Amino acid sequence: MAKKQTAGRDNLGEFAPQFAALNDDVLFGEVWAKEDELSAHDRSMITISALISGGNLEQLPAHLNIGKQNGITKEEIVAMITHLAFYVGWPKAWSAFNLAKEIW
């Protein structure tokens, strides 16, 4: 991720400052920045899969947008969600498709 993440501080900075700092500085500032280990594209694929698998749809639109910026194509997102449907559940896949089709 080339762009500095500020979503933690923007959304939770006053309410939960330590959590916001960990989100922005550690998760996005350190973990996501290690592109020598995993590309931003691959990290997005993994993150989107994890969010769908866990049914954590509130964060999914933001990560779908990040994934698209990181080069995930419509064909890749469709294939990924279809594949996940068989492992994590049809309803989760339907929900993810409804969000993904708004972005691609």
PDB file of N, CA and C in Angstrom:
ATOM      1  N   MET A   1       0.841  -1.175   0.000  1.00  0.00           N
ATOM      2  CA  MET A   1       0.000   0.000   0.000  1.00  0.00           C
ATOM      3  C   MET A   1       0.889   1.242   0.000  1.00  0.00           C
ATOM      4  N   ALA A   2       0.812   1.976  -1.031  1.00  0.00           N
ATOM      5  CA  ALA A   2       1.615   3.179  -1.130  1.00  0.00           C
ATOM      6  C   ALA A   2       1.011   4.323  -0.320  1.00  0.00           C
ATOM      7  N   LYS A   3      -0.297   4.402  -0.312  1.00  0.00           N
ATOM      8  CA  LYS A   3      -0.984   5.497   0.376  1.00  0.00           C
ATOM      9  C   LYS A   3      -1.065   5.220   1.877  1.00  0.00           C
ATOM     10  N   LYS A   4      -0.720   6.224   2.697  1.00  0.00           N
ATOM     11  CA  LYS A   4      -0.790   6.069   4.158  1.00  0.00           C
ATOM     12  C   LYS A   4      -2.234   5.904   4.599  1.00  0.00           C
ATOM     13  N   GLN A   5      -2.468   4.881   5.362  1.00  0.00           N
ATOM     14  CA  GLN A   5      -3.804   4.581   5.859  1.00  0.00           C
ATOM     15  C   GLN A   5      -4.117   5.449   7.071  1.00  0.00           C
ATOM     16  N   THR A   6      -5.281   6.061   7.071  1.00  0.00           N
ATOM     17  CA  THR A   6      -5.716   6.878   8.206  1.00  0.00           C
ATOM     18  C   THR A   6      -7.124   6.512   8.672  1.00  0.00           C
ATOM     19  N   ALA A   7      -7.676   5.433   8.150  1.00  0.00           N
ATOM     20  CA  ALA A   7      -9.059   5.067   8.486  1.00  0.00           C
ATOM     21  C   ALA A   7      -9.247   4.839   9.982  1.00  0.00           C
ATOM     22  N   GLY A   8      -8.261   4.255  10.638  1.00  0.00           N
ATOM     23  CA  GLY A   8      -8.373   4.028  12.074  1.00  0.00           C
ATOM     24  C   GLY A   8      -8.520   5.323  12.839  1.00  0.00           C
ATOM     25  N   ARG A   9      -7.623   6.246  12.582  1.00  0.00           N
ATOM     26  CA  ARG A   9      -7.677   7.533  13.274  1.00  0.00           C
ATOM     27  C   ARG A   9      -8.899   8.343  12.847  1.00  0.00           C
ATOM     28  N   ASP A  10      -9.241   8.273  11.565  1.00  0.00           N
ATOM     29  CA  ASP A  10     -10.399   9.024  11.076  1.00  0.00           C
ATOM     30  C   ASP A  10     -11.700   8.558  11.729  1.00  0.00           C
ATOM     31  N   ASN A  11     -11.827   7.246  11.928  1.00  0.00           N
ATOM     32  CA  ASN A  11     -13.087   6.693  12.425  1.00  0.00           C
ATOM     33  C   ASN A  11     -13.113   6.414  13.922  1.00  0.00           C
ATOM     34  N   LEU A  12     -11.975   6.076  14.490  1.00  0.00           N
ATOM     35  CA  LEU A  12     -11.949   5.670  15.898  1.00  0.00           C
ATOM     36  C   LEU A  12     -10.902   6.399  16.732  1.00  0.00           C
ATOM     37  N   GLY A  13     -10.218   7.362  16.140  1.00  0.00           N
ATOM     38  CA  GLY A  13      -9.096   8.017  16.805  1.00  0.00           C
ATOM     39  C   GLY A  13      -9.408   8.588  18.174  1.00  0.00           C
ATOM     40  N   GLU A  14     -10.542   9.237  18.313  1.00  0.00           N
ATOM     41  CA  GLU A  14     -10.897   9.817  19.611  1.00  0.00           C
ATOM     42  C   GLU A  14     -11.470   8.773  20.561  1.00  0.00           C
ATOM     43  N   PHE A  15     -12.200   7.813  20.027  1.00  0.00           N
ATOM     44  CA  PHE A  15     -12.870   6.820  20.850  1.00  0.00           C
ATOM     45  C   PHE A  15     -11.922   5.709  21.300  1.00  0.00           C
ATOM     46  N   ALA A  16     -11.087   5.223  20.379  1.00  0.00           N
ATOM     47  CA  ALA A  16     -10.172   4.114  20.679  1.00  0.00           C
ATOM     48  C   ALA A  16      -8.811   4.400  20.044  1.00  0.00           C
ATOM     49  N   PRO A  17      -8.067   5.351  20.604  1.00  0.00           N
ATOM     50  CA  PRO A  17      -6.832   5.801  19.961  1.00  0.00           C
ATOM     51  C   PRO A  17      -5.762   4.718  19.788  1.00  0.00           C
ATOM     52  N   GLN A  18      -5.616   3.823  20.746  1.00  0.00           N
ATOM     53  CA  GLN A  18      -4.601   2.774  20.607  1.00  0.00           C
ATOM     54  C   GLN A  18      -4.968   1.831  19.462  1.00  0.00           C
ATOM     55  N   PHE A  19      -6.224   1.418  19.401  1.00  0.00           N
ATOM     56  CA  PHE A  19      -6.686   0.552  18.327  1.00  0.00           C
ATOM     57  C   PHE A  19      -6.494   1.236  16.976  1.00  0.00           C
ATOM     58  N   ALA A  20      -6.845   2.525  16.907  1.00  0.00           N
ATOM     59  CA  ALA A  20      -6.702   3.288  15.666  1.00  0.00           C
ATOM     60  C   ALA A  20      -5.248   3.333  15.224  1.00  0.00           C
ATOM     61  N   ALA A  21      -4.347   3.560  16.160  1.00  0.00           N
ATOM     62  CA  ALA A  21      -2.921   3.605  15.831  1.00  0.00           C
ATOM     63  C   ALA A  21      -2.415   2.241  15.364  1.00  0.00           C
ATOM     64  N   LEU A  22      -2.839   1.167  16.032  1.00  0.00           N
ATOM     65  CA  LEU A  22      -2.439  -0.177  15.604  1.00  0.00           C
ATOM     66  C   LEU A  22      -2.940  -0.467  14.193  1.00  0.00           C
ATOM     67  N   ASN A  23      -4.171  -0.077  13.895  1.00  0.00           N
ATOM     68  CA  ASN A  23      -4.733  -0.282  12.568  1.00  0.00           C
ATOM     69  C   ASN A  23      -3.901   0.449  11.505  1.00  0.00           C
ATOM     70  N   ASP A  24      -3.681   1.725  11.733  1.00  0.00           N
ATOM     71  CA  ASP A  24      -3.021   2.556  10.723  1.00  0.00           C
ATOM     72  C   ASP A  24      -1.520   2.301  10.623  1.00  0.00           C
ATOM     73  N   ASP A  25      -0.864   2.172  11.780  1.00  0.00           N
ATOM     74  CA  ASP A  25       0.598   2.112  11.790  1.00  0.00           C
ATOM     75  C   ASP A  25       1.152   0.691  11.688  1.00  0.00           C
ATOM     76  N   VAL A  26       0.514  -0.254  12.359  1.00  0.00           N
ATOM     77  CA  VAL A  26       1.039  -1.619  12.352  1.00  0.00           C
ATOM     78  C   VAL A  26       0.414  -2.434  11.221  1.00  0.00           C
ATOM     79  N   LEU A  27      -0.906  -2.581  11.240  1.00  0.00           N
ATOM     80  CA  LEU A  27      -1.542  -3.415  10.219  1.00  0.00           C
ATOM     81  C   LEU A  27      -1.262  -2.888   8.816  1.00  0.00           C
ATOM     82  N   PHE A  28      -1.614  -1.628   8.573  1.00  0.00           N
ATOM     83  CA  PHE A  28      -1.418  -1.081   7.234  1.00  0.00           C
ATOM     84  C   PHE A  28      -0.024  -0.513   7.023  1.00  0.00           C
ATOM     85  N   GLY A  29       0.568   0.065   8.052  1.00  0.00           N
ATOM     86  CA  GLY A  29       1.875   0.688   7.898  1.00  0.00           C
ATOM     87  C   GLY A  29       3.035  -0.286   7.850  1.00  0.00           C
ATOM     88  N   GLU A  30       2.903  -1.432   8.541  1.00  0.00           N
ATOM     89  CA  GLU A  30       3.990  -2.411   8.566  1.00  0.00           C
ATOM     90  C   GLU A  30       3.631  -3.700   7.831  1.00  0.00           C
ATOM     91  N   VAL A  31       2.520  -4.332   8.210  1.00  0.00           N
ATOM     92  CA  VAL A  31       2.176  -5.631   7.627  1.00  0.00           C
ATOM     93  C   VAL A  31       1.863  -5.505   6.135  1.00  0.00           C
ATOM     94  N   TRP A  32       0.962  -4.616   5.783  1.00  0.00           N
ATOM     95  CA  TRP A  32       0.604  -4.452   4.370  1.00  0.00           C
ATOM     96  C   TRP A  32       1.779  -3.936   3.552  1.00  0.00           C
ATOM     97  N   ALA A  33       2.694  -3.230   4.169  1.00  0.00           N
ATOM     98  CA  ALA A  33       3.824  -2.641   3.443  1.00  0.00           C
ATOM     99  C   ALA A  33       4.891  -3.665   3.058  1.00  0.00           C
ATOM    100  N   LYS A  34       4.829  -4.868   3.569  1.00  0.00           N
ATOM    101  CA  LYS A  34       5.852  -5.894   3.306  1.00  0.00           C
ATOM    102  C   LYS A  34       5.596  -6.572   1.960  1.00  0.00           C
ATOM    103  N   GLU A  35       5.670  -5.803   0.889  1.00  0.00           N
ATOM    104  CA  GLU A  35       5.372  -6.340  -0.442  1.00  0.00           C
ATOM    105  C   GLU A  35       6.464  -7.263  -0.969  1.00  0.00           C
ATOM    106  N   ASP A  36       7.618  -7.334  -0.295  1.00  0.00           N
ATOM    107  CA  ASP A  36       8.632  -8.298  -0.696  1.00  0.00           C
ATOM    108  C   ASP A  36       8.219  -9.716  -0.295  1.00  0.00           C
ATOM    109  N   GLU A  37       7.250  -9.824   0.618  1.00  0.00           N
ATOM    110  CA  GLU A  37       6.758 -11.126   1.057  1.00  0.00           C
ATOM    111  C   GLU A  37       5.475 -11.507   0.335  1.00  0.00           C
ATOM    112  N   LEU A  38       4.536 -10.591   0.244  1.00  0.00           N
ATOM    113  CA  LEU A  38       3.278 -10.782  -0.479  1.00  0.00           C
ATOM    114  C   LEU A  38       2.943  -9.471  -1.170  1.00  0.00           C
ATOM    115  N   SER A  39       2.513  -9.557  -2.407  1.00  0.00           N
ATOM    116  CA  SER A  39       2.130  -8.346  -3.129  1.00  0.00           C
ATOM    117  C   SER A  39       0.841  -7.770  -2.546  1.00  0.00           C
ATOM    118  N   ALA A  40       0.601  -6.507  -2.813  1.00  0.00           N
ATOM    119  CA  ALA A  40      -0.647  -5.876  -2.369  1.00  0.00           C
ATOM    120  C   ALA A  40      -1.842  -6.601  -2.979  1.00  0.00           C
ATOM    121  N   HIS A  41      -1.719  -7.034  -4.224  1.00  0.00           N
ATOM    122  CA  HIS A  41      -2.782  -7.804  -4.894  1.00  0.00           C
ATOM    123  C   HIS A  41      -3.096  -9.066  -4.096  1.00  0.00           C
ATOM    124  N   ASP A  42      -2.056  -9.825  -3.748  1.00  0.00           N
ATOM    125  CA  ASP A  42      -2.270 -11.072  -3.016  1.00  0.00           C
ATOM    126  C   ASP A  42      -2.806 -10.817  -1.608  1.00  0.00           C
ATOM    127  N   ARG A  43      -2.306  -9.779  -0.951  1.00  0.00           N
ATOM    128  CA  ARG A  43      -2.834  -9.445   0.381  1.00  0.00           C
ATOM    129  C   ARG A  43      -4.319  -9.097   0.295  1.00  0.00           C
ATOM    130  N   SER A  44      -4.698  -8.377  -0.753  1.00  0.00           N
ATOM    131  CA  SER A  44      -6.119  -8.052  -0.932  1.00  0.00           C
ATOM    132  C   SER A  44      -6.941  -9.312  -1.156  1.00  0.00           C
ATOM    133  N   MET A  45      -6.440 -10.231  -1.965  1.00  0.00           N
ATOM    134  CA  MET A  45      -7.167 -11.488  -2.206  1.00  0.00           C
ATOM    135  C   MET A  45      -7.364 -12.244  -0.883  1.00  0.00           C
ATOM    136  N   ILE A  46      -6.312 -12.305  -0.079  1.00  0.00           N
ATOM    137  CA  ILE A  46      -6.380 -13.006   1.196  1.00  0.00           C
ATOM    138  C   ILE A  46      -7.340 -12.296   2.146  1.00  0.00           C
ATOM    139  N   THR A  47      -7.237 -10.989   2.236  1.00  0.00           N
ATOM    140  CA  THR A  47      -8.077 -10.220   3.161  1.00  0.00           C
ATOM    141  C   THR A  47      -9.541 -10.328   2.775  1.00  0.00           C
ATOM    142  N   ILE A  48      -9.838 -10.177   1.511  1.00  0.00           N
ATOM    143  CA  ILE A  48     -11.230 -10.287   1.049  1.00  0.00           C
ATOM    144  C   ILE A  48     -11.762 -11.687   1.332  1.00  0.00           C
ATOM    145  N   SER A  49     -10.969 -12.700   1.083  1.00  0.00           N
ATOM    146  CA  SER A  49     -11.392 -14.077   1.379  1.00  0.00           C
ATOM    147  C   SER A  49     -11.677 -14.268   2.862  1.00  0.00           C
ATOM    148  N   ALA A  50     -10.809 -13.711   3.704  1.00  0.00           N
ATOM    149  CA  ALA A  50     -10.997 -13.844   5.153  1.00  0.00           C
ATOM    150  C   ALA A  50     -12.265 -13.124   5.611  1.00  0.00           C
ATOM    151  N   LEU A  51     -12.503 -11.931   5.072  1.00  0.00           N
ATOM    152  CA  LEU A  51     -13.703 -11.188   5.464  1.00  0.00           C
ATOM    153  C   LEU A  51     -14.964 -11.923   5.042  1.00  0.00           C
ATOM    154  N   ILE A  52     -14.979 -12.456   3.826  1.00  0.00           N
ATOM    155  CA  ILE A  52     -16.142 -13.209   3.355  1.00  0.00           C
ATOM    156  C   ILE A  52     -16.313 -14.465   4.210  1.00  0.00           C
ATOM    157  N   SER A  53     -15.227 -15.174   4.450  1.00  0.00           N
ATOM    158  CA  SER A  53     -15.296 -16.419   5.229  1.00  0.00           C
ATOM    159  C   SER A  53     -15.860 -16.184   6.620  1.00  0.00           C
ATOM    160  N   GLY A  54     -15.452 -15.097   7.232  1.00  0.00           N
ATOM    161  CA  GLY A  54     -15.923 -14.792   8.582  1.00  0.00           C
ATOM    162  C   GLY A  54     -17.271 -14.100   8.629  1.00  0.00           C
ATOM    163  N   GLY A  55     -17.805 -13.766   7.451  1.00  0.00           N
ATOM    164  CA  GLY A  55     -19.079 -13.057   7.413  1.00  0.00           C
ATOM    165  C   GLY A  55     -18.964 -11.620   7.872  1.00  0.00           C
ATOM    166  N   ASN A  56     -17.765 -11.054   7.773  1.00  0.00           N
ATOM    167  CA  ASN A  56     -17.514  -9.683   8.218  1.00  0.00           C
ATOM    168  C   ASN A  56     -17.738  -8.707   7.067  1.00  0.00           C
ATOM    169  N   LEU A  57     -18.991  -8.513   6.740  1.00  0.00           N
ATOM    170  CA  LEU A  57     -19.336  -7.755   5.544  1.00  0.00           C
ATOM    171  C   LEU A  57     -19.244  -6.245   5.720  1.00  0.00           C
ATOM    172  N   GLU A  58     -19.194  -5.749   6.946  1.00  0.00           N
ATOM    173  CA  GLU A  58     -19.112  -4.302   7.149  1.00  0.00           C
ATOM    174  C   GLU A  58     -17.811  -3.738   6.570  1.00  0.00           C
ATOM    175  N   GLN A  59     -16.709  -4.468   6.720  1.00  0.00           N
ATOM    176  CA  GLN A  59     -15.426  -4.011   6.202  1.00  0.00           C
ATOM    177  C   GLN A  59     -15.199  -4.409   4.743  1.00  0.00           C
ATOM    178  N   LEU A  60     -16.037  -5.280   4.211  1.00  0.00           N
ATOM    179  CA  LEU A  60     -15.810  -5.806   2.865  1.00  0.00           C
ATOM    180  C   LEU A  60     -15.809  -4.744   1.766  1.00  0.00           C
ATOM    181  N   PRO A  61     -16.753  -3.789   1.731  1.00  0.00           N
ATOM    182  CA  PRO A  61     -16.704  -2.795   0.643  1.00  0.00           C
ATOM    183  C   PRO A  61     -15.382  -2.031   0.581  1.00  0.00           C
ATOM    184  N   ALA A  62     -14.857  -1.634   1.724  1.00  0.00           N
ATOM    185  CA  ALA A  62     -13.578  -0.909   1.729  1.00  0.00           C
ATOM    186  C   ALA A  62     -12.469  -1.779   1.154  1.00  0.00           C
ATOM    187  N   HIS A  63     -12.452  -3.046   1.535  1.00  0.00           N
ATOM    188  CA  HIS A  63     -11.393  -3.930   1.044  1.00  0.00           C
ATOM    189  C   HIS A  63     -11.614  -4.351  -0.403  1.00  0.00           C
ATOM    190  N   LEU A  64     -12.854  -4.391  -0.859  1.00  0.00           N
ATOM    191  CA  LEU A  64     -13.090  -4.630  -2.286  1.00  0.00           C
ATOM    192  C   LEU A  64     -12.539  -3.463  -3.097  1.00  0.00           C
ATOM    193  N   ASN A  65     -12.759  -2.246  -2.631  1.00  0.00           N
ATOM    194  CA  ASN A  65     -12.206  -1.074  -3.315  1.00  0.00           C
ATOM    195  C   ASN A  65     -10.683  -1.090  -3.302  1.00  0.00           C
ATOM    196  N   ILE A  66     -10.096  -1.415  -2.161  1.00  0.00           N
ATOM    197  CA  ILE A  66      -8.643  -1.515  -2.073  1.00  0.00           C
ATOM    198  C   ILE A  66      -8.145  -2.601  -3.030  1.00  0.00           C
ATOM    199  N   GLY A  67      -8.850  -3.726  -3.048  1.00  0.00           N
ATOM    200  CA  GLY A  67      -8.469  -4.820  -3.936  1.00  0.00           C
ATOM    201  C   GLY A  67      -8.507  -4.419  -5.402  1.00  0.00           C
ATOM    202  N   LYS A  68      -9.534  -3.697  -5.776  1.00  0.00           N
ATOM    203  CA  LYS A  68      -9.617  -3.218  -7.160  1.00  0.00           C
ATOM    204  C   LYS A  68      -8.449  -2.290  -7.461  1.00  0.00           C
ATOM    205  N   GLN A  69      -8.126  -1.401  -6.529  1.00  0.00           N
ATOM    206  CA  GLN A  69      -6.962  -0.509  -6.703  1.00  0.00           C
ATOM    207  C   GLN A  69      -5.668  -1.308  -6.775  1.00  0.00           C
ATOM    208  N   ASN A  70      -5.631  -2.456  -6.109  1.00  0.00           N
ATOM    209  CA  ASN A  70      -4.438  -3.307  -6.110  1.00  0.00           C
ATOM    210  C   ASN A  70      -4.416  -4.278  -7.282  1.00  0.00           C
ATOM    211  N   GLY A  71      -5.324  -4.099  -8.236  1.00  0.00           N
ATOM    212  CA  GLY A  71      -5.267  -4.863  -9.477  1.00  0.00           C
ATOM    213  C   GLY A  71      -6.133  -6.093  -9.570  1.00  0.00           C
ATOM    214  N   ILE A  72      -6.978  -6.348  -8.566  1.00  0.00           N
ATOM    215  CA  ILE A  72      -7.889  -7.489  -8.681  1.00  0.00           C
ATOM    216  C   ILE A  72      -8.899  -7.175  -9.783  1.00  0.00           C
ATOM    217  N   THR A  73      -9.031  -8.091 -10.715  1.00  0.00           N
ATOM    218  CA  THR A  73      -9.946  -7.906 -11.833  1.00  0.00           C
ATOM    219  C   THR A  73     -11.335  -8.436 -11.486  1.00  0.00           C
ATOM    220  N   LYS A  74     -12.310  -8.054 -12.287  1.00  0.00           N
ATOM    221  CA  LYS A  74     -13.672  -8.562 -12.117  1.00  0.00           C
ATOM    222  C   LYS A  74     -13.667 -10.088 -12.219  1.00  0.00           C
ATOM    223  N   GLU A  75     -12.923 -10.608 -13.170  1.00  0.00           N
ATOM    224  CA  GLU A  75     -12.872 -12.066 -13.360  1.00  0.00           C
ATOM    225  C   GLU A  75     -12.286 -12.756 -12.130  1.00  0.00           C
ATOM    226  N   GLU A  76     -11.261 -12.153 -11.541  1.00  0.00           N
ATOM    227  CA  GLU A  76     -10.658 -12.745 -10.344  1.00  0.00           C
ATOM    228  C   GLU A  76     -11.608 -12.710  -9.155  1.00  0.00           C
ATOM    229  N   ILE A  77     -12.302 -11.598  -8.954  1.00  0.00           N
ATOM    230  CA  ILE A  77     -13.196 -11.503  -7.795  1.00  0.00           C
ATOM    231  C   ILE A  77     -14.370 -12.467  -7.945  1.00  0.00           C
ATOM    232  N   VAL A  78     -14.876 -12.592  -9.168  1.00  0.00           N
ATOM    233  CA  VAL A  78     -15.977 -13.529  -9.424  1.00  0.00           C
ATOM    234  C   VAL A  78     -15.515 -14.966  -9.169  1.00  0.00           C
ATOM    235  N   ALA A  79     -14.338 -15.322  -9.677  1.00  0.00           N
ATOM    236  CA  ALA A  79     -13.823 -16.677  -9.468  1.00  0.00           C
ATOM    237  C   ALA A  79     -13.565 -16.951  -7.987  1.00  0.00           C
ATOM    238  N   MET A  80     -13.023 -15.958  -7.286  1.00  0.00           N
ATOM    239  CA  MET A  80     -12.723 -16.138  -5.871  1.00  0.00           C
ATOM    240  C   MET A  80     -13.998 -16.337  -5.053  1.00  0.00           C
ATOM    241  N   ILE A  81     -14.998 -15.497  -5.279  1.00  0.00           N
ATOM    242  CA  ILE A  81     -16.234 -15.618  -4.511  1.00  0.00           C
ATOM    243  C   ILE A  81     -16.950 -16.922  -4.847  1.00  0.00           C
ATOM    244  N   THR A  82     -16.954 -17.307  -6.114  1.00  0.00           N
ATOM    245  CA  THR A  82     -17.569 -18.586  -6.505  1.00  0.00           C
ATOM    246  C   THR A  82     -16.872 -19.742  -5.804  1.00  0.00           C
ATOM    247  N   HIS A  83     -15.564 -19.730  -5.793  1.00  0.00           N
ATOM    248  CA  HIS A  83     -14.795 -20.776  -5.122  1.00  0.00           C
ATOM    249  C   HIS A  83     -15.106 -20.806  -3.627  1.00  0.00           C
ATOM    250  N   LEU A  84     -15.125 -19.638  -3.005  1.00  0.00           N
ATOM    251  CA  LEU A  84     -15.406 -19.560  -1.573  1.00  0.00           C
ATOM    252  C   LEU A  84     -16.801 -20.060  -1.223  1.00  0.00           C
ATOM    253  N   ALA A  85     -17.747 -19.877  -2.130  1.00  0.00           N
ATOM    254  CA  ALA A  85     -19.132 -20.283  -1.853  1.00  0.00           C
ATOM    255  C   ALA A  85     -19.214 -21.732  -1.390  1.00  0.00           C
ATOM    256  N   PHE A  86     -18.386 -22.586  -1.979  1.00  0.00           N
ATOM    257  CA  PHE A  86     -18.434 -24.014  -1.649  1.00  0.00           C
ATOM    258  C   PHE A  86     -17.776 -24.323  -0.309  1.00  0.00           C
ATOM    259  N   TYR A  87     -16.946 -23.430   0.184  1.00  0.00           N
ATOM    260  CA  TYR A  87     -16.226 -23.667   1.429  1.00  0.00           C
ATOM    261  C   TYR A  87     -16.778 -22.902   2.616  1.00  0.00           C
ATOM    262  N   VAL A  88     -17.371 -21.727   2.366  1.00  0.00           N
ATOM    263  CA  VAL A  88     -17.806 -20.889   3.487  1.00  0.00           C
ATOM    264  C   VAL A  88     -19.309 -20.642   3.520  1.00  0.00           C
ATOM    265  N   GLY A  89     -19.993 -21.002   2.449  1.00  0.00           N
ATOM    266  CA  GLY A  89     -21.444 -20.882   2.448  1.00  0.00           C
ATOM    267  C   GLY A  89     -21.997 -20.017   1.328  1.00  0.00           C
ATOM    268  N   TRP A  90     -23.092 -20.503   0.781  1.00  0.00           N
ATOM    269  CA  TRP A  90     -23.766 -19.821  -0.318  1.00  0.00           C
ATOM    270  C   TRP A  90     -24.265 -18.432   0.066  1.00  0.00           C
ATOM    271  N   PRO A  91     -24.892 -18.254   1.246  1.00  0.00           N
ATOM    272  CA  PRO A  91     -25.370 -16.927   1.621  1.00  0.00           C
ATOM    273  C   PRO A  91     -24.252 -15.890   1.726  1.00  0.00           C
ATOM    274  N   LYS A  92     -23.094 -16.296   2.234  1.00  0.00           N
ATOM    275  CA  LYS A  92     -21.971 -15.363   2.312  1.00  0.00           C
ATOM    276  C   LYS A  92     -21.525 -14.962   0.906  1.00  0.00           C
ATOM    277  N   ALA A  93     -21.528 -15.914  -0.004  1.00  0.00           N
ATOM    278  CA  ALA A  93     -21.142 -15.611  -1.386  1.00  0.00           C
ATOM    279  C   ALA A  93     -22.144 -14.651  -2.028  1.00  0.00           C
ATOM    280  N   TRP A  94     -23.428 -14.890  -1.833  1.00  0.00           N
ATOM    281  CA  TRP A  94     -24.449 -13.980  -2.373  1.00  0.00           C
ATOM    282  C   TRP A  94     -24.231 -12.564  -1.858  1.00  0.00           C
ATOM    283  N   SER A  95     -24.013 -12.455  -0.565  1.00  0.00           N
ATOM    284  CA  SER A  95     -23.796 -11.136   0.032  1.00  0.00           C
ATOM    285  C   SER A  95     -22.562 -10.473  -0.544  1.00  0.00           C
ATOM    286  N   ALA A  96     -21.483 -11.237  -0.692  1.00  0.00           N
ATOM    287  CA  ALA A  96     -20.243 -10.700  -1.246  1.00  0.00           C
ATOM    288  C   ALA A  96     -20.436 -10.291  -2.696  1.00  0.00           C
ATOM    289  N   PHE A  97     -21.146 -11.096  -3.475  1.00  0.00           N
ATOM    290  CA  PHE A  97     -21.399 -10.739  -4.876  1.00  0.00           C
ATOM    291  C   PHE A  97     -22.187  -9.441  -4.982  1.00  0.00           C
ATOM    292  N   ASN A  98     -23.170  -9.276  -4.126  1.00  0.00           N
ATOM    293  CA  ASN A  98     -23.967  -8.036  -4.166  1.00  0.00           C
ATOM    294  C   ASN A  98     -23.104  -6.803  -3.913  1.00  0.00           C
ATOM    295  N   LEU A  99     -22.121  -6.924  -3.040  1.00  0.00           N
ATOM    296  CA  LEU A  99     -21.203  -5.816  -2.776  1.00  0.00           C
ATOM    297  C   LEU A  99     -20.195  -5.642  -3.913  1.00  0.00           C
ATOM    298  N   ALA A 100     -19.654  -6.772  -4.407  1.00  0.00           N
ATOM    299  CA  ALA A 100     -18.619  -6.701  -5.448  1.00  0.00           C
ATOM    300  C   ALA A 100     -19.174  -6.125  -6.760  1.00  0.00           C
ATOM    301  N   LYS A 101     -20.402  -6.460  -7.095  1.00  0.00           N
ATOM    302  CA  LYS A 101     -20.918  -5.980  -8.386  1.00  0.00           C
ATOM    303  C   LYS A 101     -21.129  -4.461  -8.379  1.00  0.00           C
ATOM    304  N   GLU A 102     -21.221  -3.852  -7.196  1.00  0.00           N
ATOM    305  CA  GLU A 102     -21.308  -2.388  -7.117  1.00  0.00           C
ATOM    306  C   GLU A 102     -19.958  -1.740  -7.406  1.00  0.00           C
ATOM    307  N   ILE A 103     -18.872  -2.480  -7.199  1.00  0.00           N
ATOM    308  CA  ILE A 103     -17.526  -1.926  -7.331  1.00  0.00           C
ATOM    309  C   ILE A 103     -16.902  -2.228  -8.692  1.00  0.00           C
ATOM    310  N   TRP A 104     -17.227  -3.391  -9.248  1.00  0.00           N
ATOM    311  CA  TRP A 104     -16.672  -3.727 -10.565  1.00  0.00           C
ATOM    312  C   TRP A 104     -17.688  -3.464 -11.635  1.00  0.00           C
TER     313      TRP A 104
END
